[in-house]
Amino acid sequence: MKKVPQRMCVGCGQMRPKKELIRIVRTPEGAIELDTSPSGKRPGRGAYLCPDSQCLAKAVKGKRLERSLEQPISDEVWTQLEAQLGTVKAE
């Protein structure tokens, strides 16, 4: 039996299987985007987040995502992530 990879959500701090979480990546160029690759191995520094708006709100309030990605995140990127998280959640 294979071990299921576990990751921690930066919003709620809960450990969950990697497949249940959404990976947010700071690319080598410095852009912050959702990792939409099926393998979840897009190059760059990554952080994981539950597909839940409450977890995103906690990550914003505590600046947890900024700390994980080691880069300040602009309001424009936050709104873009919110919109993309909404579409991912609906799928």
N, C-alpha and C. Protein backbone atom coordinates (compact mmCIF):
# COMPACT_ATOMS: atom_id res chain seq x y z
N MET A 1 0.84 -1.18 0.00
CA MET A 1 0.00 0.00 0.00
C MET A 1 0.89 1.25 0.00
N LYS A 2 0.60 2.17 -0.91
CA LYS A 2 1.39 3.40 -0.99
C LYS A 2 0.94 4.42 0.05
N LYS A 3 1.88 5.20 0.52
CA LYS A 3 1.59 6.27 1.46
C LYS A 3 1.02 7.47 0.69
N VAL A 4 -0.07 8.05 1.19
CA VAL A 4 -0.68 9.21 0.55
C VAL A 4 0.06 10.45 1.01
N PRO A 5 0.59 11.27 0.06
CA PRO A 5 1.31 12.49 0.47
C PRO A 5 0.39 13.47 1.19
N GLN A 6 0.83 13.99 2.31
CA GLN A 6 0.07 14.94 3.10
C GLN A 6 0.72 16.32 3.01
N ARG A 7 -0.10 17.36 2.97
CA ARG A 7 0.38 18.75 2.97
C ARG A 7 -0.47 19.55 3.94
N MET A 8 0.09 20.66 4.42
CA MET A 8 -0.64 21.51 5.36
C MET A 8 -1.20 22.73 4.64
N CYS A 9 -2.45 23.03 4.91
CA CYS A 9 -3.10 24.22 4.36
C CYS A 9 -2.54 25.44 5.10
N VAL A 10 -2.14 26.47 4.36
CA VAL A 10 -1.60 27.68 5.01
C VAL A 10 -2.70 28.49 5.67
N GLY A 11 -3.95 28.26 5.29
CA GLY A 11 -5.07 28.99 5.88
C GLY A 11 -5.47 28.45 7.24
N CYS A 12 -5.88 27.17 7.27
CA CYS A 12 -6.39 26.58 8.51
C CYS A 12 -5.35 25.76 9.26
N GLY A 13 -4.23 25.41 8.61
CA GLY A 13 -3.18 24.65 9.27
C GLY A 13 -3.47 23.17 9.41
N GLN A 14 -4.49 22.69 8.71
CA GLN A 14 -4.88 21.29 8.79
C GLN A 14 -4.12 20.44 7.77
N MET A 15 -3.66 19.26 8.18
CA MET A 15 -2.99 18.34 7.27
C MET A 15 -4.04 17.59 6.47
N ARG A 16 -3.86 17.55 5.15
CA ARG A 16 -4.80 16.88 4.27
C ARG A 16 -4.03 16.19 3.16
N PRO A 17 -4.68 15.23 2.47
CA PRO A 17 -4.02 14.64 1.29
C PRO A 17 -3.75 15.71 0.24
N LYS A 18 -2.62 15.60 -0.41
CA LYS A 18 -2.18 16.58 -1.40
C LYS A 18 -3.22 16.82 -2.50
N LYS A 19 -3.92 15.78 -2.91
CA LYS A 19 -4.90 15.87 -4.00
C LYS A 19 -6.10 16.74 -3.63
N GLU A 20 -6.39 16.90 -2.33
CA GLU A 20 -7.54 17.70 -1.88
C GLU A 20 -7.23 19.19 -1.82
N LEU A 21 -5.96 19.55 -1.87
CA LEU A 21 -5.55 20.95 -1.72
C LEU A 21 -5.19 21.57 -3.06
N ILE A 22 -5.19 22.89 -3.09
CA ILE A 22 -4.82 23.65 -4.27
C ILE A 22 -3.44 24.24 -4.03
N ARG A 23 -2.56 24.07 -5.00
CA ARG A 23 -1.19 24.58 -4.88
C ARG A 23 -1.10 25.96 -5.51
N ILE A 24 -0.53 26.89 -4.78
CA ILE A 24 -0.28 28.24 -5.28
C ILE A 24 1.23 28.37 -5.41
N VAL A 25 1.68 28.85 -6.57
CA VAL A 25 3.10 28.85 -6.89
C VAL A 25 3.63 30.26 -7.11
N ARG A 26 4.82 30.51 -6.58
CA ARG A 26 5.58 31.70 -6.97
C ARG A 26 6.59 31.20 -7.99
N THR A 27 6.37 31.58 -9.24
CA THR A 27 7.22 31.10 -10.33
C THR A 27 8.62 31.71 -10.22
N PRO A 28 9.60 31.12 -10.91
CA PRO A 28 10.95 31.70 -10.88
C PRO A 28 10.99 33.16 -11.37
N GLU A 29 10.01 33.55 -12.19
CA GLU A 29 9.95 34.94 -12.67
C GLU A 29 9.35 35.88 -11.62
N GLY A 30 8.74 35.33 -10.55
CA GLY A 30 8.17 36.15 -9.49
C GLY A 30 6.67 36.30 -9.55
N ALA A 31 6.01 35.68 -10.52
CA ALA A 31 4.55 35.75 -10.63
C ALA A 31 3.92 34.74 -9.68
N ILE A 32 2.76 35.09 -9.13
CA ILE A 32 2.05 34.18 -8.23
C ILE A 32 0.79 33.70 -8.94
N GLU A 33 0.67 32.35 -9.07
CA GLU A 33 -0.42 31.76 -9.83
C GLU A 33 -0.85 30.45 -9.19
N LEU A 34 -2.03 29.96 -9.61
CA LEU A 34 -2.46 28.63 -9.20
C LEU A 34 -1.71 27.60 -10.03
N ASP A 35 -1.35 26.49 -9.42
CA ASP A 35 -0.70 25.40 -10.14
C ASP A 35 -1.81 24.52 -10.71
N THR A 36 -2.07 24.68 -11.98
CA THR A 36 -3.14 23.92 -12.63
C THR A 36 -2.64 22.67 -13.31
N SER A 37 -1.36 22.37 -13.19
CA SER A 37 -0.84 21.15 -13.80
C SER A 37 -1.39 19.93 -13.05
N PRO A 38 -1.71 18.86 -13.77
CA PRO A 38 -2.30 17.69 -13.11
C PRO A 38 -1.39 17.05 -12.07
N SER A 39 -0.08 17.14 -12.26
CA SER A 39 0.85 16.53 -11.32
C SER A 39 1.10 17.41 -10.11
N GLY A 40 0.82 18.73 -10.22
CA GLY A 40 1.08 19.65 -9.12
C GLY A 40 2.55 19.89 -8.89
N LYS A 41 3.33 19.82 -9.96
CA LYS A 41 4.79 19.97 -9.83
C LYS A 41 5.32 21.11 -10.68
N ARG A 42 4.56 22.17 -10.81
CA ARG A 42 5.02 23.31 -11.57
C ARG A 42 6.25 23.92 -10.89
N PRO A 43 7.24 24.36 -11.66
CA PRO A 43 8.45 24.90 -11.03
C PRO A 43 8.18 26.17 -10.24
N GLY A 44 8.84 26.27 -9.11
CA GLY A 44 8.70 27.45 -8.27
C GLY A 44 8.39 27.06 -6.84
N ARG A 45 8.33 28.05 -5.96
CA ARG A 45 8.02 27.82 -4.55
C ARG A 45 6.51 27.71 -4.40
N GLY A 46 6.05 26.69 -3.72
CA GLY A 46 4.62 26.44 -3.61
C GLY A 46 4.10 26.49 -2.19
N ALA A 47 2.80 26.74 -2.09
CA ALA A 47 2.07 26.70 -0.83
C ALA A 47 0.72 26.08 -1.13
N TYR A 48 0.15 25.39 -0.15
CA TYR A 48 -1.11 24.69 -0.36
C TYR A 48 -2.23 25.36 0.41
N LEU A 49 -3.43 25.31 -0.18
CA LEU A 49 -4.59 25.96 0.39
C LEU A 49 -5.82 25.10 0.14
N CYS A 50 -6.70 25.00 1.13
CA CYS A 50 -7.96 24.28 0.95
C CYS A 50 -8.81 25.02 -0.08
N PRO A 51 -9.64 24.31 -0.85
CA PRO A 51 -10.51 25.00 -1.82
C PRO A 51 -11.70 25.62 -1.10
N ASP A 52 -11.44 26.49 -0.15
CA ASP A 52 -12.46 27.09 0.69
C ASP A 52 -12.17 28.58 0.86
N SER A 53 -13.18 29.39 0.73
CA SER A 53 -12.98 30.84 0.84
C SER A 53 -12.58 31.25 2.25
N GLN A 54 -13.00 30.49 3.27
CA GLN A 54 -12.62 30.81 4.65
C GLN A 54 -11.13 30.62 4.87
N CYS A 55 -10.56 29.58 4.26
CA CYS A 55 -9.12 29.35 4.39
C CYS A 55 -8.35 30.46 3.68
N LEU A 56 -8.84 30.90 2.53
CA LEU A 56 -8.20 32.01 1.83
C LEU A 56 -8.26 33.27 2.68
N ALA A 57 -9.40 33.52 3.32
CA ALA A 57 -9.54 34.70 4.18
C ALA A 57 -8.56 34.65 5.35
N LYS A 58 -8.38 33.47 5.95
CA LYS A 58 -7.41 33.32 7.05
C LYS A 58 -5.99 33.56 6.56
N ALA A 59 -5.69 33.05 5.36
CA ALA A 59 -4.35 33.23 4.79
C ALA A 59 -4.07 34.70 4.50
N VAL A 60 -5.10 35.44 4.06
CA VAL A 60 -4.96 36.87 3.78
C VAL A 60 -4.78 37.64 5.09
N LYS A 61 -5.63 37.37 6.06
CA LYS A 61 -5.61 38.11 7.31
C LYS A 61 -4.29 37.94 8.06
N GLY A 62 -3.80 36.72 8.12
CA GLY A 62 -2.57 36.46 8.86
C GLY A 62 -1.31 36.58 8.02
N LYS A 63 -1.45 36.96 6.75
CA LYS A 63 -0.33 37.07 5.81
C LYS A 63 0.46 35.76 5.74
N ARG A 64 -0.25 34.65 5.90
CA ARG A 64 0.39 33.34 5.90
C ARG A 64 0.89 32.93 4.53
N LEU A 65 0.11 33.27 3.50
CA LEU A 65 0.52 32.91 2.15
C LEU A 65 1.75 33.71 1.73
N GLU A 66 1.79 34.98 2.11
CA GLU A 66 2.96 35.82 1.81
C GLU A 66 4.21 35.25 2.47
N ARG A 67 4.07 34.77 3.70
CA ARG A 67 5.20 34.20 4.41
C ARG A 67 5.67 32.91 3.75
N SER A 68 4.73 32.08 3.32
CA SER A 68 5.07 30.80 2.69
C SER A 68 5.77 31.00 1.36
N LEU A 69 5.29 31.97 0.59
CA LEU A 69 5.86 32.22 -0.74
C LEU A 69 7.04 33.17 -0.70
N GLU A 70 7.32 33.72 0.48
CA GLU A 70 8.45 34.63 0.70
C GLU A 70 8.42 35.84 -0.24
N GLN A 71 7.21 36.38 -0.44
CA GLN A 71 7.06 37.55 -1.31
C GLN A 71 5.75 38.25 -0.97
N PRO A 72 5.73 39.59 -0.91
CA PRO A 72 4.47 40.29 -0.69
C PRO A 72 3.53 40.09 -1.88
N ILE A 73 2.23 40.01 -1.58
CA ILE A 73 1.23 39.74 -2.61
C ILE A 73 0.33 40.97 -2.74
N SER A 74 0.18 41.47 -3.97
CA SER A 74 -0.63 42.67 -4.20
C SER A 74 -2.11 42.33 -4.13
N ASP A 75 -2.95 43.37 -3.93
CA ASP A 75 -4.40 43.19 -3.87
C ASP A 75 -4.94 42.62 -5.17
N GLU A 76 -4.33 43.01 -6.28
CA GLU A 76 -4.75 42.52 -7.59
C GLU A 76 -4.60 40.99 -7.68
N VAL A 77 -3.50 40.48 -7.15
CA VAL A 77 -3.25 39.03 -7.17
C VAL A 77 -4.24 38.33 -6.24
N TRP A 78 -4.55 38.95 -5.08
CA TRP A 78 -5.52 38.35 -4.16
C TRP A 78 -6.88 38.18 -4.84
N THR A 79 -7.35 39.22 -5.52
CA THR A 79 -8.66 39.13 -6.18
C THR A 79 -8.62 38.09 -7.29
N GLN A 80 -7.50 38.00 -8.00
CA GLN A 80 -7.35 37.01 -9.06
C GLN A 80 -7.38 35.59 -8.46
N LEU A 81 -6.70 35.38 -7.34
CA LEU A 81 -6.70 34.08 -6.68
C LEU A 81 -8.11 33.72 -6.19
N GLU A 82 -8.83 34.72 -5.63
CA GLU A 82 -10.21 34.49 -5.19
C GLU A 82 -11.07 34.02 -6.34
N ALA A 83 -10.96 34.69 -7.48
CA ALA A 83 -11.75 34.32 -8.66
C ALA A 83 -11.38 32.92 -9.15
N GLN A 84 -10.09 32.62 -9.18
CA GLN A 84 -9.64 31.31 -9.65
C GLN A 84 -10.04 30.22 -8.66
N LEU A 85 -10.00 30.51 -7.37
CA LEU A 85 -10.41 29.53 -6.37
C LEU A 85 -11.91 29.23 -6.50
N GLY A 86 -12.68 30.25 -6.84
CA GLY A 86 -14.12 30.06 -7.06
C GLY A 86 -14.38 29.12 -8.21
N THR A 87 -13.60 29.24 -9.28
CA THR A 87 -13.80 28.35 -10.44
C THR A 87 -13.30 26.95 -10.13
N VAL A 88 -12.24 26.82 -9.36
CA VAL A 88 -11.72 25.50 -9.01
C VAL A 88 -12.71 24.78 -8.09
N LYS A 89 -13.30 25.52 -7.15
CA LYS A 89 -14.24 24.94 -6.20
C LYS A 89 -15.50 24.42 -6.92
N ALA A 90 -15.91 25.13 -7.97
CA ALA A 90 -17.14 24.76 -8.69
C ALA A 90 -16.95 23.50 -9.52
N GLU A 91 -15.70 23.16 -9.89
CA GLU A 91 -15.47 21.99 -10.74
C GLU A 91 -15.73 20.68 -10.05
